[in-house]
C-alpha atoms as a PDB file:
ATOM      1  CA  MET A   1      -7.741 -10.066  43.210  1.00  0.00           C
ATOM      2  CA  LYS A   2      -9.471  -7.931  40.757  1.00  0.00           C
ATOM      3  CA  LEU A   3      -6.127  -6.819  39.049  1.00  0.00           C
ATOM      4  CA  SER A   4      -5.075 -10.379  38.594  1.00  0.00           C
ATOM      5  CA  ASN A   5      -8.503 -11.205  36.850  1.00  0.00           C
ATOM      6  CA  LEU A   6      -8.062  -8.128  34.590  1.00  0.00           C
ATOM      7  CA  ILE A   7      -4.473  -9.293  33.612  1.00  0.00           C
ATOM      8  CA  ILE A   8      -5.681 -12.976  32.926  1.00  0.00           C
ATOM      9  CA  ALA A   9      -8.569 -11.636  30.814  1.00  0.00           C
ATOM     10  CA  ALA A  10      -6.298  -9.263  28.807  1.00  0.00           C
ATOM     11  CA  VAL A  11      -3.770 -12.220  28.043  1.00  0.00           C
ATOM     12  CA  ILE A  12      -6.814 -14.463  27.066  1.00  0.00           C
ATOM     13  CA  GLY A  13      -7.974 -11.671  24.899  1.00  0.00           C
ATOM     14  CA  ILE A  14      -4.489 -11.092  23.219  1.00  0.00           C
ATOM     15  CA  LEU A  15      -4.199 -14.898  22.634  1.00  0.00           C
ATOM     16  CA  THR A  16      -7.861 -15.194  21.166  1.00  0.00           C
ATOM     17  CA  VAL A  17      -7.031 -12.185  18.776  1.00  0.00           C
ATOM     18  CA  SER A  18      -3.511 -13.683  17.824  1.00  0.00           C
ATOM     19  CA  PHE A  19      -4.699 -17.313  17.128  1.00  0.00           C
ATOM     20  CA  SER A  20      -8.169 -16.386  15.673  1.00  0.00           C
ATOM     21  CA  PRO A  21      -8.569 -17.521  11.910  1.00  0.00           C
ATOM     22  CA  VAL A  22      -9.719 -13.840  11.276  1.00  0.00           C
ATOM     23  CA  PHE A  23      -6.832 -12.200  12.824  1.00  0.00           C
ATOM     24  CA  GLY A  24      -4.191 -14.791  12.876  1.00  0.00           C
ATOM     25  CA  GLU A  25      -2.811 -14.184   9.319  1.00  0.00           C
ATOM     26  CA  SER A  26      -1.760 -10.765   8.339  1.00  0.00           C
ATOM     27  CA  GLU A  27      -3.698  -9.195   5.434  1.00  0.00           C
ATOM     28  CA  ASN A  28      -0.604  -7.162   4.308  1.00  0.00           C
ATOM     29  CA  ASN A  29       1.329  -9.940   2.845  1.00  0.00           C
ATOM     30  CA  VAL A  30       0.212  -9.029  -0.698  1.00  0.00           C
ATOM     31  CA  THR A  31       3.428  -7.467  -1.909  1.00  0.00           C
ATOM     32  CA  THR A  32       6.189  -9.266   0.158  1.00  0.00           C
ATOM     33  CA  ASN A  33       7.043 -11.906  -2.412  1.00  0.00           C
ATOM     34  CA  TYR A  34       8.030  -9.615  -5.478  1.00  0.00           C
ATOM     35  CA  THR A  35      10.831  -7.781  -6.663  1.00  0.00           C
ATOM     36  CA  ALA A  36      10.882  -3.921  -6.587  1.00  0.00           C
ATOM     37  CA  ASN A  37       8.699  -3.670  -9.754  1.00  0.00           C
ATOM     38  CA  CYS A  38       7.392  -0.053 -10.169  1.00  0.00           C
ATOM     39  CA  GLN A  39       4.912  -1.181 -12.712  1.00  0.00           C
ATOM     40  CA  THR A  40       3.036  -3.195 -10.098  1.00  0.00           C
ATOM     41  CA  PHE A  41       1.269  -0.171  -8.756  1.00  0.00           C
ATOM     42  CA  ASP A  42       0.400   1.490 -12.015  1.00  0.00           C
ATOM     43  CA  ALA A  43      -2.719   3.201 -10.301  1.00  0.00           C
ATOM     44  CA  PHE A  44      -0.278   5.479  -8.509  1.00  0.00           C
ATOM     45  CA  TYR A  45       1.572   6.832 -11.632  1.00  0.00           C
ATOM     46  CA  ASP A  46      -1.351   7.127 -13.982  1.00  0.00           C
ATOM     47  CA  PRO A  47      -4.331   9.267 -13.017  1.00  0.00           C
ATOM     48  CA  GLU A  48      -6.705   7.309 -15.339  1.00  0.00           C
ATOM     49  CA  VAL A  49      -5.876   3.738 -13.810  1.00  0.00           C
ATOM     50  CA  MET A  50      -6.209   5.438 -10.424  1.00  0.00           C
ATOM     51  CA  ALA A  51      -9.847   6.833 -11.181  1.00  0.00           C
ATOM     52  CA  LYS A  52     -10.790   3.344 -12.634  1.00  0.00           C
ATOM     53  CA  THR A  53      -9.440   1.829  -9.433  1.00  0.00           C
ATOM     54  CA  MET A  54     -11.093   4.058  -7.237  1.00  0.00           C
ATOM     55  CA  ALA A  55     -14.462   3.644  -9.070  1.00  0.00           C
ATOM     56  CA  ASN A  56     -14.396  -0.092  -8.337  1.00  0.00           C
ATOM     57  CA  PRO A  57     -14.956  -0.849  -4.508  1.00  0.00           C
ATOM     58  CA  ALA A  58     -13.235  -4.283  -4.644  1.00  0.00           C
ATOM     59  CA  GLU A  59     -10.007  -2.786  -6.505  1.00  0.00           C
ATOM     60  CA  SER A  60     -10.097  -0.020  -4.162  1.00  0.00           C
ATOM     61  CA  MET A  61      -9.868  -2.491  -1.196  1.00  0.00           C
ATOM     62  CA  LYS A  62      -7.051  -4.363  -2.853  1.00  0.00           C
ATOM     63  CA  LEU A  63      -5.160  -1.001  -3.208  1.00  0.00           C
ATOM     64  CA  PHE A  64      -5.894  -0.151   0.398  1.00  0.00           C
ATOM     65  CA  VAL A  65      -4.343  -3.543   1.656  1.00  0.00           C
ATOM     66  CA  ALA A  66      -1.310  -3.052  -0.422  1.00  0.00           C
ATOM     67  CA  MET A  67      -0.711   0.516   0.734  1.00  0.00           C
ATOM     68  CA  ASN A  68      -0.833  -0.785   4.417  1.00  0.00           C
ATOM     69  CA  ASN A  69       2.315  -2.899   3.702  1.00  0.00           C
ATOM     70  CA  PRO A  70       5.804  -1.582   4.648  1.00  0.00           C
ATOM     71  CA  GLU A  71       7.116  -3.301   1.655  1.00  0.00           C
ATOM     72  CA  THR A  72       5.061  -1.161  -0.534  1.00  0.00           C
ATOM     73  CA  THR A  73       6.415   2.182   0.741  1.00  0.00           C
ATOM     74  CA  LYS A  74      10.012   0.754   0.362  1.00  0.00           C
ATOM     75  CA  VAL A  75       9.170   0.100  -3.329  1.00  0.00           C
ATOM     76  CA  PHE A  76       7.773   3.511  -3.693  1.00  0.00           C
ATOM     77  CA  MET A  77      10.945   4.958  -2.376  1.00  0.00           C
ATOM     78  CA  GLU A  78      13.011   2.979  -4.738  1.00  0.00           C
ATOM     79  CA  CYS A  79      10.914   3.860  -7.820  1.00  0.00           C
ATOM     80  CA  SER A  80      10.806   7.566  -6.920  1.00  0.00           C
ATOM     81  CA  SER A  81      14.706   7.569  -6.970  1.00  0.00           C
ATOM     82  CA  ASN A  82      14.615   6.162 -10.429  1.00  0.00           C
ATOM     83  CA  PRO A  83      14.938   9.054 -12.926  1.00  0.00           C
ATOM     84  CA  GLU A  84      12.940   7.260 -15.813  1.00  0.00           C
ATOM     85  CA  GLN A  85      10.095   6.333 -13.313  1.00  0.00           C
ATOM     86  CA  TRP A  86       9.962   9.847 -12.073  1.00  0.00           C
ATOM     87  CA  ASN A  87       9.834  11.361 -15.574  1.00  0.00           C
ATOM     88  CA  GLU A  88       7.007   8.913 -16.354  1.00  0.00           C
ATOM     89  CA  TRP A  89       5.115   9.923 -13.218  1.00  0.00           C
ATOM     90  CA  MET A  90       5.492  13.577 -14.031  1.00  0.00           C
ATOM     91  CA  ALA A  91       4.580  13.263 -17.718  1.00  0.00           C
ATOM     92  CA  ASN A  92       1.380  11.361 -16.712  1.00  0.00           C
ATOM     93  CA  TYR A  93       0.326  13.779 -14.008  1.00  0.00           C
ATOM     94  CA  SER A  94       0.855  16.848 -16.111  1.00  0.00           C
ATOM     95  CA  ASN A  95      -1.128  15.603 -19.081  1.00  0.00           C
ATOM     96  CA  PRO A  96      -4.430  17.361 -19.133  1.00  0.00           C
ATOM     97  CA  THR A  97      -5.857  14.669 -21.485  1.00  0.00           C
ATOM     98  CA  LYS A  98      -5.374  12.075 -18.858  1.00  0.00           C
ATOM     99  CA  TRP A  99      -6.934  14.087 -16.073  1.00  0.00           C
ATOM    100  CA  MET A 100     -10.005  14.699 -18.435  1.00  0.00           C
ATOM    101  CA  ASN A 101     -10.184  10.857 -18.970  1.00  0.00           C
ATOM    102  CA  ALA A 102      -9.774  10.294 -15.256  1.00  0.00           C
ATOM    103  CA  MET A 103     -13.012  12.203 -14.544  1.00  0.00           C
ATOM    104  CA  VAL A 104     -15.066   9.757 -16.665  1.00  0.00           C
ATOM    105  CA  PRO A 105     -15.717   7.155 -14.164  1.00  0.00           C
ATOM    106  CA  PHE A 106     -17.047   9.596 -11.645  1.00  0.00           C
ATOM    107  CA  MET A 107     -19.647  10.864 -14.063  1.00  0.00           C
ATOM    108  CA  ASN A 108     -21.151   7.299 -14.104  1.00  0.00           C
ATOM    109  CA  PRO A 109     -24.095   7.014 -11.560  1.00  0.00           C
ATOM    110  CA  ALA A 110     -23.473   3.253 -11.457  1.00  0.00           C
ATOM    111  CA  MET A 111     -20.204   3.818  -9.818  1.00  0.00           C
ATOM    112  CA  TYR A 112     -21.975   5.512  -6.816  1.00  0.00           C
ATOM    113  CA  MET A 113     -24.479   2.564  -6.745  1.00  0.00           C
ATOM    114  CA  ASN A 114     -21.636   0.164  -6.624  1.00  0.00           C
ATOM    115  CA  TRP A 115     -20.109   1.796  -3.587  1.00  0.00           C
ATOM    116  CA  MET A 116     -23.483   2.044  -1.825  1.00  0.00           C
ATOM    117  CA  GLY A 117     -23.962  -1.744  -2.448  1.00  0.00           C
ATOM    118  CA  ALA A 118     -20.493  -2.484  -1.243  1.00  0.00           C
ATOM    119  CA  SER A 119     -21.058  -0.900   1.929  1.00  0.00           C
ATOM    120  CA  MET A 120     -23.682  -3.639   2.805  1.00  0.00           C
ATOM    121  CA  ASN A 121     -20.960  -6.376   1.867  1.00  0.00           C
ATOM    122  CA  PRO A 122     -19.274  -7.702   5.092  1.00  0.00           C
ATOM    123  CA  GLN A 123     -16.221  -8.826   2.781  1.00  0.00           C
ATOM    124  CA  MET A 124     -15.446  -5.195   1.965  1.00  0.00           C
ATOM    125  CA  TYR A 125     -14.693  -4.499   5.746  1.00  0.00           C
ATOM    126  CA  GLN A 126     -12.231  -7.482   5.872  1.00  0.00           C
ATOM    127  CA  PRO A 127      -8.975  -5.251   5.045  1.00  0.00           C
ATOM    128  CA  PHE A 128      -9.882  -3.086   8.216  1.00  0.00           C
ATOM    129  CA  PHE A 129      -9.357  -6.100  10.460  1.00  0.00           C
ATOM    130  CA  SER A 130      -5.657  -5.879   9.656  1.00  0.00           C
ATOM    131  CA  TYR A 131      -5.532  -2.931  12.077  1.00  0.00           C
ATOM    132  CA  MET A 132      -6.591  -5.291  14.903  1.00  0.00           C
ATOM    133  CA  ASN A 133      -3.893  -7.790  14.082  1.00  0.00           C
ATOM    134  CA  PRO A 134      -0.668  -7.511  16.156  1.00  0.00           C
ATOM    135  CA  ALA A 135       1.291  -8.714  13.164  1.00  0.00           C
ATOM    136  CA  TYR A 136       0.370  -5.628  11.163  1.00  0.00           C
ATOM    137  CA  TYR A 137       2.117  -3.462  13.778  1.00  0.00           C
ATOM    138  CA  SER A 138       5.046  -5.843  13.980  1.00  0.00           C
ATOM    139  CA  GLN A 139       5.615  -5.579  10.297  1.00  0.00           C
ATOM    140  CA  TRP A 140       5.861  -1.780  10.468  1.00  0.00           C
ATOM    141  CA  LEU A 141       8.056  -2.044  13.624  1.00  0.00           C
ATOM    142  CA  ALA A 142      10.441  -4.552  12.023  1.00  0.00           C
ATOM    143  CA  ALA A 143      10.539  -2.253   8.777  1.00  0.00           C
ATOM    144  CA  SER A 144      11.080   0.756  10.538  1.00  0.00           C
ATOM    145  CA  MET A 145      14.151  -0.767  12.395  1.00  0.00           C
ATOM    146  CA  ASN A 146      15.679  -2.240   9.409  1.00  0.00           C
ATOM    147  CA  PRO A 147      18.452   0.057   7.857  1.00  0.00           C
ATOM    148  CA  GLU A 148      17.747  -1.488   4.460  1.00  0.00           C
ATOM    149  CA  TYR A 149      14.172  -0.018   4.567  1.00  0.00           C
ATOM    150  CA  TYR A 150      15.726   3.350   4.388  1.00  0.00           C
ATOM    151  CA  ALA A 151      18.282   2.668   1.690  1.00  0.00           C
ATOM    152  CA  ALA A 152      16.408   4.353  -1.112  1.00  0.00           C
ATOM    153  CA  MET A 153      15.611   7.503   0.901  1.00  0.00           C
ATOM    154  CA  TYR A 154      19.520   7.871   1.593  1.00  0.00           C
ATOM    155  CA  LYS A 155      20.428   7.046  -2.007  1.00  0.00           C
ATOM    156  CA  MET A 156      19.676  10.427  -3.159  1.00  0.00           C
ATOM    157  CA  MET A 157      22.321  11.868  -0.774  1.00  0.00           C
ATOM    158  CA  ASP A 158      24.854   9.819  -2.692  1.00  0.00           C
ATOM    159  CA  PRO A 159      26.799  12.046  -5.105  1.00  0.00           C
ATOM    160  CA  ASN A 160      27.487   9.211  -7.573  1.00  0.00           C
ATOM    161  CA  ALA A 161      23.887   7.950  -7.496  1.00  0.00           C
ATOM    162  CA  TYR A 162      22.803   9.564 -10.878  1.00  0.00           C
ATOM    163  CA  VAL A 163      26.137   9.978 -12.401  1.00  0.00           C
ATOM    164  CA  SER A 164      26.461   7.617 -15.378  1.00  0.00           C
ATOM    165  CA  VAL A 165      29.861   6.323 -15.690  1.00  0.00           C
ATOM    166  CA  ASN A 166      31.481   6.069 -19.179  1.00  0.00           C
ATOM    167  CA  THR A 167      34.092   3.572 -19.216  1.00  0.00           C
ATOM    168  CA  ASP A 168      34.979   4.068 -22.928  1.00  0.00           C
ATOM    169  CA  GLN A 169      37.174   6.999 -22.461  1.00  0.00           C
END
């Protein structure tokens, strides 16, 4: 009798979480409707932009939500296999001037006050509710079972991937 009550309570709990307006819609649908545009995530290939993003609590949470999406990792794999994008990333991250400029937002005491104030704002915790959404795990499970998700990773094993073909000869 007690086991059946526990099972019924678990089913009701799962249905409540699934159909709840807070948990019912996935927070991770931010990047699903765009083509593989490497410029969308400029915070990841420019230390100055990343520092400005991390200094702003609201922008940091947007970045957090985007990074919890399997489509984002797929785009990063595709971008990292692009030689031009790779060269841009390396140029930005090996530039000492960019690193010096990236330190500027962290020298501003107002940035730390913004983060302290943000911790009292309930909306800042909204992205963390995506971990309680079963759709979040379904997205990652579906992505991990899709062979297209891994195509960019296996592209580098193709001997002709980076060979430019000159048809004029």
